[in-house]
Structure formats: C-alpha cells, structure tokens
Protein backbone atom coordinates (compact mmCIF):
# COMPACT_ATOMS: atom_id res chain seq x y z
CA MET A 1 -0.10 0.26 -0.29
CA ASN A 2 1.37 3.40 -1.08
CA GLU A 3 1.87 6.40 1.06
CA ARG A 4 -1.22 8.46 -0.95
CA THR A 5 -4.05 5.43 -0.54
CA GLN A 6 -3.05 5.06 3.00
CA ASP A 7 -3.22 8.47 3.94
CA ARG A 8 -6.88 8.13 2.04
CA ILE A 9 -7.82 5.37 4.15
CA PHE A 10 -6.74 6.42 7.75
CA ALA A 11 -8.18 9.92 6.75
CA ALA A 12 -11.44 8.12 6.31
CA CYS A 13 -11.40 6.52 9.32
CA GLY A 14 -11.33 10.08 11.05
CA ILE A 15 -14.48 10.79 9.06
CA ALA A 16 -16.19 7.65 9.81
CA SER A 17 -15.66 7.86 13.47
CA VAL A 18 -17.47 11.00 13.79
CA ALA A 19 -20.37 9.89 11.64
CA LEU A 20 -20.73 7.09 13.05
CA MET A 21 -21.21 8.16 16.22
CA LEU A 22 -24.09 10.85 14.84
CA VAL A 23 -25.89 7.88 13.63
CA GLY A 24 -25.28 5.92 16.61
CA LEU A 25 -27.16 8.85 18.52
CA VAL A 26 -29.74 9.26 15.82
CA ILE A 27 -30.62 5.41 15.07
CA GLY A 28 -30.40 5.42 19.23
CA ALA A 29 -33.01 8.71 19.96
CA ALA A 30 -35.26 7.38 17.24
CA GLY A 31 -35.61 3.99 19.07
CA GLY A 32 -36.59 5.65 21.99
CA ARG A 33 -33.39 6.50 23.98
CA GLU A 34 -33.79 8.73 26.92
CA PHE A 35 -30.72 11.03 27.91
CA ALA A 36 -30.65 11.79 31.26
CA THR A 37 -28.53 13.93 32.91
CA ILE A 38 -27.21 14.86 36.46
CA SER A 39 -29.52 18.21 35.78
CA SER A 40 -32.48 15.92 35.49
CA THR A 41 -35.37 15.61 37.87
CA PRO A 42 -36.09 12.50 39.96
CA ALA A 43 -39.54 12.70 37.31
CA GLN A 44 -37.62 13.00 34.41
CA ILE A 45 -35.12 10.08 35.47
CA ALA A 46 -38.21 8.14 36.56
CA HIS A 47 -39.92 8.76 33.12
CA ALA A 48 -37.10 8.12 30.78
CA LEU A 49 -36.48 4.23 33.11
CA ALA A 50 -40.15 3.82 32.58
CA LYS A 51 -40.09 1.55 29.26
CA PRO A 52 -37.60 -1.16 28.06
CA ALA A 53 -35.30 0.08 25.10
CA GLY A 54 -35.96 -0.89 21.85
CA THR A 55 -34.05 -2.66 19.17
CA ALA A 56 -33.03 0.70 17.77
CA VAL A 57 -30.93 1.86 21.20
CA TRP A 58 -29.10 -1.44 21.05
CA ILE A 59 -27.71 -0.99 17.12
CA GLY A 60 -27.27 2.99 18.08
CA ALA A 61 -24.99 1.42 20.65
CA TYR A 62 -23.40 -1.10 18.56
CA VAL A 63 -22.53 2.10 15.54
CA GLU A 64 -21.54 3.95 18.01
CA ILE A 65 -18.88 1.82 19.67
CA LEU A 66 -17.41 0.96 16.40
CA SER A 67 -16.71 4.87 15.63
CA PHE A 68 -13.99 4.78 18.36
CA GLY A 69 -12.07 2.57 16.95
CA CYS A 70 -12.19 4.05 13.80
CA PHE A 71 -11.04 7.01 15.59
CA LEU A 72 -7.88 5.39 17.54
CA ALA A 73 -6.58 4.33 13.60
CA PHE A 74 -6.96 8.39 12.90
CA ALA A 75 -5.52 9.25 15.92
CA VAL A 76 -2.49 6.83 15.61
CA TRP A 77 -2.14 8.12 11.69
CA ALA A 78 -2.68 11.94 12.09
CA THR A 79 0.25 11.95 15.40
CA ARG A 80 2.57 10.15 12.68
CA LYS A 81 1.83 12.54 9.92
CA LEU A 82 2.23 15.87 12.19
CA GLY A 83 5.83 14.34 13.37
CA GLY A 84 5.45 12.44 16.41
CA GLY A 85 7.92 12.03 18.63
CA VAL A 86 7.16 13.24 22.97
CA LEU A 87 4.47 15.21 21.77
CA GLY A 88 3.07 12.43 19.72
CA GLY A 89 3.27 9.75 22.04
CA ILE A 90 1.32 12.42 24.61
CA ALA A 91 -1.43 12.82 22.13
CA ASN A 92 -1.81 9.13 21.23
CA ALA A 93 -1.85 8.30 25.13
CA ALA A 94 -4.89 10.83 24.93
CA ALA A 95 -6.53 9.55 22.21
CA THR A 96 -6.56 5.77 23.64
CA SER A 97 -7.79 7.23 27.33
CA TYR A 98 -10.54 9.01 25.41
CA ALA A 99 -11.70 6.07 23.55
CA THR A 100 -11.36 3.67 26.62
CA LEU A 101 -13.14 5.97 29.00
CA SER A 102 -16.11 6.81 26.36
CA ILE A 103 -16.51 3.18 25.75
CA ALA A 104 -16.73 2.76 29.36
CA SER A 105 -19.32 5.47 29.76
CA LEU A 106 -21.34 4.45 26.67
CA GLY A 107 -21.49 1.06 28.51
CA LEU A 108 -22.51 1.94 31.66
CA MET A 109 -25.28 4.63 29.68
CA ASP A 110 -26.37 0.56 28.08
CA ALA A 111 -26.59 -0.84 31.56
CA ILE A 112 -28.78 1.82 32.42
CA GLU A 113 -31.40 1.28 29.33
CA TYR A 114 -30.84 -2.42 30.35
CA ARG A 115 -32.40 -2.00 33.58
CA ALA A 116 -35.07 0.43 32.17
CA GLY A 117 -38.59 -0.79 32.15
CA HIS A 118 -37.42 -3.27 34.63
CA GLY A 119 -38.12 -1.82 38.21
CA ILE A 120 -34.75 0.33 38.19
CA GLY A 121 -34.77 2.76 41.81
CA ILE A 122 -34.56 6.02 41.62
CA ASP A 123 -31.36 6.43 44.09
CA LEU A 124 -29.77 4.02 41.74
CA ALA A 125 -30.68 5.46 38.45
CA ARG A 126 -29.44 8.73 39.81
CA THR A 127 -26.31 7.63 40.71
CA LEU A 128 -25.67 5.78 37.86
CA VAL A 129 -26.09 8.70 35.44
CA THR A 130 -24.36 10.73 37.59
CA VAL A 131 -21.24 8.34 36.99
CA ASN A 132 -22.01 7.95 33.45
CA GLU A 133 -21.79 12.13 33.03
CA ALA A 134 -18.67 11.92 35.22
CA LEU A 135 -17.04 9.77 32.81
CA PHE A 136 -18.40 11.64 29.65
CA VAL A 137 -17.28 14.93 30.86
CA GLY A 138 -13.84 13.03 31.33
CA THR A 139 -13.53 12.08 27.89
CA TRP A 140 -13.77 16.21 27.19
CA PHE A 141 -10.37 16.60 29.12
CA LEU A 142 -8.77 14.00 27.44
CA SER A 143 -9.79 15.51 23.92
CA VAL A 144 -8.10 18.83 24.99
CA PHE A 145 -4.59 17.01 25.96
CA PHE A 146 -5.04 15.32 22.44
CA LEU A 147 -5.44 19.13 21.12
CA PHE A 148 -2.95 20.60 23.14
CA ALA A 149 0.01 17.82 22.54
CA ALA A 150 -1.15 17.69 18.50
CA ALA A 151 -1.03 22.04 18.22
CA PRO A 152 2.18 22.17 18.37
CA LEU A 153 2.99 19.33 16.07
CA ALA A 154 0.89 20.89 13.14
CA VAL A 155 2.07 24.51 13.70
CA ALA A 156 6.10 23.10 13.34
CA SER A 157 4.95 20.84 10.06
CA GLY A 158 3.75 24.16 8.54
CA ARG A 159 -0.40 23.82 9.86
CA ARG A 160 -0.64 26.63 11.33
CA ALA A 161 -4.24 26.88 10.85
CA LEU A 162 -5.03 23.01 11.87
CA GLY A 163 -2.46 23.75 14.81
CA TRP A 164 -4.15 27.29 16.10
CA SER A 165 -7.95 25.60 16.12
CA ALA A 166 -6.98 22.82 17.95
CA VAL A 167 -5.90 25.52 20.80
CA GLY A 168 -9.26 27.36 20.13
CA VAL A 169 -11.14 24.40 20.61
CA ALA A 170 -9.34 22.87 23.73
CA CYS A 171 -9.39 26.41 25.47
CA ALA A 172 -13.08 26.59 24.38
CA THR A 173 -13.61 23.15 26.06
CA LEU A 174 -12.37 24.01 28.85
CA LEU A 175 -14.07 27.20 29.58
CA LEU A 176 -17.26 25.98 28.48
CA THR A 177 -16.91 22.97 30.58
CA ALA A 178 -16.73 25.20 33.56
CA VAL A 179 -19.60 27.05 33.02
CA SER A 180 -22.24 24.61 31.66
CA LEU A 181 -21.89 20.51 31.65
CA ASP A 182 -25.36 20.21 30.07
CA ASN A 183 -25.27 23.03 27.30
CA LEU A 184 -22.57 24.90 26.20
CA ALA A 185 -19.88 22.11 26.92
CA GLN A 186 -22.24 20.00 24.32
CA MET A 187 -21.02 22.46 21.52
CA ALA A 188 -17.55 22.37 22.44
CA ASN A 189 -18.02 18.50 22.16
CA ALA A 190 -19.25 19.18 18.33
CA LEU A 191 -16.60 21.24 17.66
CA TRP A 192 -13.96 18.63 18.92
CA LEU A 193 -15.77 16.42 16.37
CA ALA A 194 -15.48 19.10 13.92
CA TRP A 195 -11.92 19.38 14.06
CA ILE A 196 -11.62 15.46 13.68
CA VAL A 197 -13.01 15.74 10.49
CA TRP A 198 -11.05 19.10 9.05
CA ALA A 199 -8.06 17.31 10.34
CA SER A 200 -8.70 14.45 8.47
CA ILE A 201 -9.09 16.13 5.51
CA SER A 202 -6.16 18.38 6.10
CA LEU A 203 -3.44 15.45 6.54
CA ALA A 204 -4.70 13.68 3.56
CA ARG A 205 -4.05 16.40 1.01
CA VAL A 206 -0.97 16.55 -0.32
CA PRO A 207 0.93 19.96 0.54
CA ARG A 208 1.47 22.58 -2.23
CA THR A 209 4.79 22.39 -2.22
CA ALA A 210 5.17 18.76 -2.32
CA VAL A 211 2.55 18.94 -5.56
CA SER A 212 5.30 22.09 -6.78
CA THR A 213 7.93 19.97 -6.61
CA VAL A 214 6.57 16.58 -8.71
CA ALA A 215 5.01 19.49 -10.91
CA ALA A 216 8.69 20.66 -11.76
CA ALA A 217 10.27 17.36 -11.78
CA GLN A 218 8.05 16.54 -14.67
CA HIS A 219 9.20 19.37 -16.07
CA ALA A 220 12.47 18.90 -16.06
C-alpha cells in the first residue's frame, strides 16, 4: 500500500468516526433512547426509565462503539503525519484514554438502558447517571490533552491553521465545561468532532510544496 492510499484510508477513518457516532446517536434517539443527566429531576429520570429500550437503541449503541475503533486509527495516523515524537506519544496516550473512557461511559449508559422498564430504583438510577456523566465529562478533558499535544506538532509541520484551531477548540472546551456541563459544553464537544473531520481532510491533502516539486520534476 503506497503512502497516498494509506493517507486516504486513515483520513476516511477520522471522518467515519464522527459519522458513525452521529448516526448511532440518531438511531438510538429514533428508537426511544432517553438521555437523563445530572440536572434531570427525579420525575424526569423516572420517565426516562419507565419503558424498556427497543432494538434500535442497541443498534445505535453498537454503531457508536464502532466509531471509537475508527477514531483510534485516525489518531495514531494523525500524530505520525504531524511528526510524532514525545508530543505524538502524549497525543496517542490521550487518544487511547479518550476511546477507553468513552466506551466505558457508553457501557454504563447501556447498562442503565438495559435496566429501564425493569424496576430500577430512582436513587440507583440517579447514581448511575451521575457516574456516567462524570465519565463523559472526563472524555472532554482527554480530548483537550490530545489537542494541546497535537497543536504544536501541526504548527511545526506548517499546518498553522490546524494547529491554532486545535488550541482554540481545547480552550473553548475548558471554558465551556467550567460554565455548563449540559448545554454549552456540548457545543464544545461538537467543535471537537468538527476538528477531527477537518484534520482528516487537511492531513490527507498533498502539501502545495510537494505538488510544486513533483510538477517541476516532471517538466525538468
């Protein structure tokens, strides 16, 4: 496999990781998945857990888990494209931890859904919802660690816009998470997903200098 083909495959993994996550969310929501949070009232939690989860909920959860396999492939490739080294190792560790914690959060969410409609108590449900949200919020900080490690690599490799946007998304995530866990921080998470797509496209493109060099060699 030549490098150009490899780049296209791993870039597709980055885009697929976002697409699969969103598709999984849509399928789960269409199947009746309820999204209780730490700000939900006891009545809202009771309503969310009143009915058993349908088949579409499990299909959506399955698709979401697949997205993190694609993300790991993207993250390892991206850090290698940007130069690797110590910062690349830190970014890879953050990416691996991000995927691990995300799957743990999804597993806990699925456990809550599995108990829905089977007499789970409100106190236990609230505890599980709180732990799940704590894990989910933890993934935001891991995405910040990845972005701060990848940013200087991107700037050093000549991809300044990609690098500084990583810093911007990381700072926005830290700021918005401190302000609101349920609303504004979700917007920061959307920025993180958008950055993954942009990074996938940006890193798969052949730099202009490389194109100019090839063109010059052909006309020599």
